[in-house]
């Protein structure tokens, strides 16, 4: 449903109908993390300029903020 890539180009984020947000390494295609807190399809994802924060929204009418170190 939605994808975003970090400004540095080293992280790709996807949101999908399976209620997950997935974090990928774009060069290798390796799945790094799966985030599973939404109750319905994820419709939008965004990543902050520094790549440390991800925002996602869902058809469950929620917005989630995810922090990464």
N, C-alpha and C. Protein backbone atom coordinates (compact mmCIF):
# COMPACT_ATOMS: atom_id res chain seq x y z
N UNK A 1 0.80 -1.20 0.00
CA UNK A 1 0.00 0.00 0.00
C UNK A 1 0.85 1.27 0.00
N UNK A 2 1.99 1.25 0.73
CA UNK A 2 2.79 2.46 0.84
C UNK A 2 4.25 2.11 1.05
N UNK A 3 5.15 2.93 0.50
CA UNK A 3 6.58 2.75 0.74
C UNK A 3 7.23 4.12 0.97
N UNK A 4 8.35 4.09 1.67
CA UNK A 4 9.17 5.29 1.88
C UNK A 4 10.61 4.84 1.98
N UNK A 5 11.52 5.71 1.58
CA UNK A 5 12.94 5.40 1.69
C UNK A 5 13.61 6.53 2.46
N UNK A 6 14.57 6.17 3.29
CA UNK A 6 15.27 7.17 4.10
C UNK A 6 16.06 8.11 3.20
N UNK A 7 16.29 9.35 3.65
CA UNK A 7 17.09 10.28 2.84
C UNK A 7 18.49 9.75 2.53
N UNK A 8 19.04 8.93 3.40
CA UNK A 8 20.36 8.36 3.18
C UNK A 8 20.32 7.20 2.18
N UNK A 9 19.13 6.68 1.90
CA UNK A 9 18.97 5.58 0.96
C UNK A 9 19.31 4.22 1.52
N UNK A 10 19.49 4.12 2.83
CA UNK A 10 19.90 2.83 3.42
C UNK A 10 18.77 2.07 4.10
N UNK A 11 17.56 2.63 4.10
CA UNK A 11 16.41 1.97 4.73
C UNK A 11 15.18 2.19 3.87
N UNK A 12 14.45 1.11 3.60
CA UNK A 12 13.18 1.19 2.89
C UNK A 12 12.09 0.70 3.84
N UNK A 13 10.99 1.43 3.90
CA UNK A 13 9.87 1.09 4.77
C UNK A 13 8.68 0.76 3.89
N UNK A 14 7.96 -0.31 4.21
CA UNK A 14 6.74 -0.63 3.48
C UNK A 14 5.60 -0.85 4.46
N UNK A 15 4.42 -0.43 4.06
CA UNK A 15 3.20 -0.71 4.81
C UNK A 15 2.26 -1.46 3.90
N UNK A 16 1.53 -2.43 4.45
CA UNK A 16 0.73 -3.26 3.56
C UNK A 16 -0.60 -3.70 4.17
N UNK A 17 -1.39 -4.37 3.35
CA UNK A 17 -2.71 -4.83 3.75
C UNK A 17 -2.65 -5.91 4.82
N UNK A 18 -1.49 -6.52 5.04
CA UNK A 18 -1.39 -7.56 6.08
C UNK A 18 -1.18 -6.98 7.48
N UNK A 19 -1.40 -5.65 7.63
CA UNK A 19 -1.36 -4.94 8.92
C UNK A 19 0.05 -4.69 9.44
N UNK A 20 1.06 -4.88 8.60
CA UNK A 20 2.43 -4.75 9.06
C UNK A 20 3.15 -3.57 8.42
N UNK A 21 4.17 -3.11 9.14
CA UNK A 21 5.16 -2.19 8.62
C UNK A 21 6.45 -2.98 8.58
N UNK A 22 7.09 -3.02 7.43
CA UNK A 22 8.33 -3.78 7.29
C UNK A 22 9.48 -2.85 6.95
N UNK A 23 10.63 -3.16 7.51
CA UNK A 23 11.84 -2.37 7.30
C UNK A 23 12.82 -3.24 6.54
N UNK A 24 13.29 -2.73 5.42
CA UNK A 24 14.12 -3.49 4.49
C UNK A 24 15.46 -2.80 4.27
N UNK A 25 16.46 -3.58 3.90
CA UNK A 25 17.71 -3.03 3.39
C UNK A 25 17.55 -2.98 1.88
N UNK A 26 17.52 -1.79 1.28
CA UNK A 26 17.21 -1.71 -0.15
C UNK A 26 18.26 -2.32 -1.07
N UNK A 27 19.51 -2.34 -0.67
CA UNK A 27 20.55 -2.92 -1.52
C UNK A 27 20.46 -4.42 -1.63
N UNK A 28 20.23 -5.08 -0.50
CA UNK A 28 20.20 -6.55 -0.48
C UNK A 28 18.79 -7.12 -0.56
N UNK A 29 17.78 -6.29 -0.24
CA UNK A 29 16.41 -6.79 -0.18
C UNK A 29 16.11 -7.55 1.10
N UNK A 30 17.06 -7.54 2.04
CA UNK A 30 16.89 -8.27 3.30
C UNK A 30 15.83 -7.58 4.17
N UNK A 31 14.91 -8.38 4.71
CA UNK A 31 13.92 -7.89 5.67
C UNK A 31 14.60 -7.77 7.02
N UNK A 32 14.62 -6.56 7.59
CA UNK A 32 15.31 -6.32 8.85
C UNK A 32 14.37 -6.42 10.05
N UNK A 33 13.17 -5.85 9.94
CA UNK A 33 12.20 -5.86 11.04
C UNK A 33 10.80 -5.91 10.48
N UNK A 34 9.89 -6.47 11.28
CA UNK A 34 8.46 -6.41 10.99
C UNK A 34 7.77 -5.85 12.22
N UNK A 35 7.01 -4.78 12.03
CA UNK A 35 6.28 -4.12 13.12
C UNK A 35 4.80 -4.48 12.98
N UNK A 36 4.18 -4.91 14.07
CA UNK A 36 2.86 -5.54 13.97
C UNK A 36 1.81 -4.94 14.90
N UNK A 37 1.83 -3.66 15.13
CA UNK A 37 0.92 -3.06 16.11
C UNK A 37 -0.40 -2.56 15.54
N UNK A 38 -0.55 -2.51 14.22
CA UNK A 38 -1.81 -2.04 13.63
C UNK A 38 -2.84 -3.17 13.58
N UNK A 39 -4.11 -2.79 13.61
CA UNK A 39 -5.21 -3.76 13.58
C UNK A 39 -5.87 -3.89 12.22
N UNK A 40 -5.44 -3.06 11.26
CA UNK A 40 -6.00 -3.08 9.92
C UNK A 40 -4.88 -2.72 8.93
N UNK A 41 -5.21 -2.67 7.66
CA UNK A 41 -4.21 -2.40 6.62
C UNK A 41 -3.48 -1.09 6.88
N UNK A 42 -2.17 -1.11 6.66
CA UNK A 42 -1.34 0.09 6.78
C UNK A 42 -1.41 0.84 5.45
N UNK A 43 -1.81 2.10 5.52
CA UNK A 43 -2.05 2.86 4.30
C UNK A 43 -0.96 3.87 3.97
N UNK A 44 -0.22 4.32 4.98
CA UNK A 44 0.81 5.33 4.76
C UNK A 44 1.99 5.08 5.68
N UNK A 45 3.20 5.25 5.16
CA UNK A 45 4.41 5.21 5.98
C UNK A 45 5.28 6.40 5.61
N UNK A 46 6.05 6.88 6.59
CA UNK A 46 7.00 7.97 6.37
C UNK A 46 8.18 7.76 7.30
N UNK A 47 9.33 8.28 6.91
CA UNK A 47 10.54 8.15 7.72
C UNK A 47 11.15 9.54 7.89
N UNK A 48 11.66 9.80 9.08
CA UNK A 48 12.24 11.11 9.38
C UNK A 48 13.54 11.33 8.62
N UNK A 49 13.96 12.57 8.58
CA UNK A 49 15.18 12.95 7.85
C UNK A 49 16.41 12.19 8.35
N UNK A 50 16.48 11.95 9.67
CA UNK A 50 17.64 11.24 10.22
C UNK A 50 17.47 9.73 10.24
N UNK A 51 16.30 9.23 9.80
CA UNK A 51 16.05 7.80 9.74
C UNK A 51 15.76 7.15 11.08
N UNK A 52 15.62 7.95 12.14
CA UNK A 52 15.43 7.40 13.49
C UNK A 52 13.97 7.24 13.88
N UNK A 53 13.05 7.83 13.12
CA UNK A 53 11.63 7.77 13.46
C UNK A 53 10.83 7.40 12.23
N UNK A 54 9.90 6.46 12.43
CA UNK A 54 8.98 6.05 11.38
C UNK A 54 7.57 6.35 11.85
N UNK A 55 6.74 6.87 10.96
CA UNK A 55 5.33 7.07 11.25
C UNK A 55 4.52 6.20 10.29
N UNK A 56 3.45 5.62 10.80
CA UNK A 56 2.57 4.82 9.96
C UNK A 56 1.12 5.11 10.34
N UNK A 57 0.25 5.03 9.34
CA UNK A 57 -1.18 5.17 9.60
C UNK A 57 -1.89 3.97 8.99
N UNK A 58 -3.08 3.72 9.53
CA UNK A 58 -3.78 2.50 9.16
C UNK A 58 -5.27 2.76 8.99
N UNK A 59 -5.94 1.83 8.34
CA UNK A 59 -7.39 1.87 8.22
C UNK A 59 -8.08 1.64 9.56
N UNK A 60 -7.32 1.29 10.60
CA UNK A 60 -7.89 1.18 11.95
C UNK A 60 -7.98 2.55 12.63
N UNK A 61 -7.72 3.63 11.86
CA UNK A 61 -7.81 5.01 12.33
C UNK A 61 -6.78 5.36 13.40
N UNK A 62 -5.60 4.74 13.30
CA UNK A 62 -4.51 5.06 14.22
C UNK A 62 -3.29 5.53 13.45
N UNK A 63 -2.47 6.27 14.16
CA UNK A 63 -1.14 6.65 13.68
C UNK A 63 -0.15 6.13 14.71
N UNK A 64 0.86 5.44 14.26
CA UNK A 64 1.89 4.90 15.16
C UNK A 64 3.20 5.61 14.86
N UNK A 65 3.94 5.90 15.92
CA UNK A 65 5.27 6.48 15.82
C UNK A 65 6.25 5.45 16.36
N UNK A 66 7.22 5.09 15.56
CA UNK A 66 8.20 4.06 15.90
C UNK A 66 9.57 4.73 15.98
N UNK A 67 10.29 4.50 17.07
CA UNK A 67 11.63 5.07 17.26
C UNK A 67 12.67 3.98 17.08
N UNK A 68 13.77 4.34 16.38
CA UNK A 68 14.88 3.42 16.18
C UNK A 68 16.16 4.07 16.61
N UNK A 69 17.03 3.30 17.22
CA UNK A 69 18.34 3.81 17.68
C UNK A 69 19.37 3.58 16.61
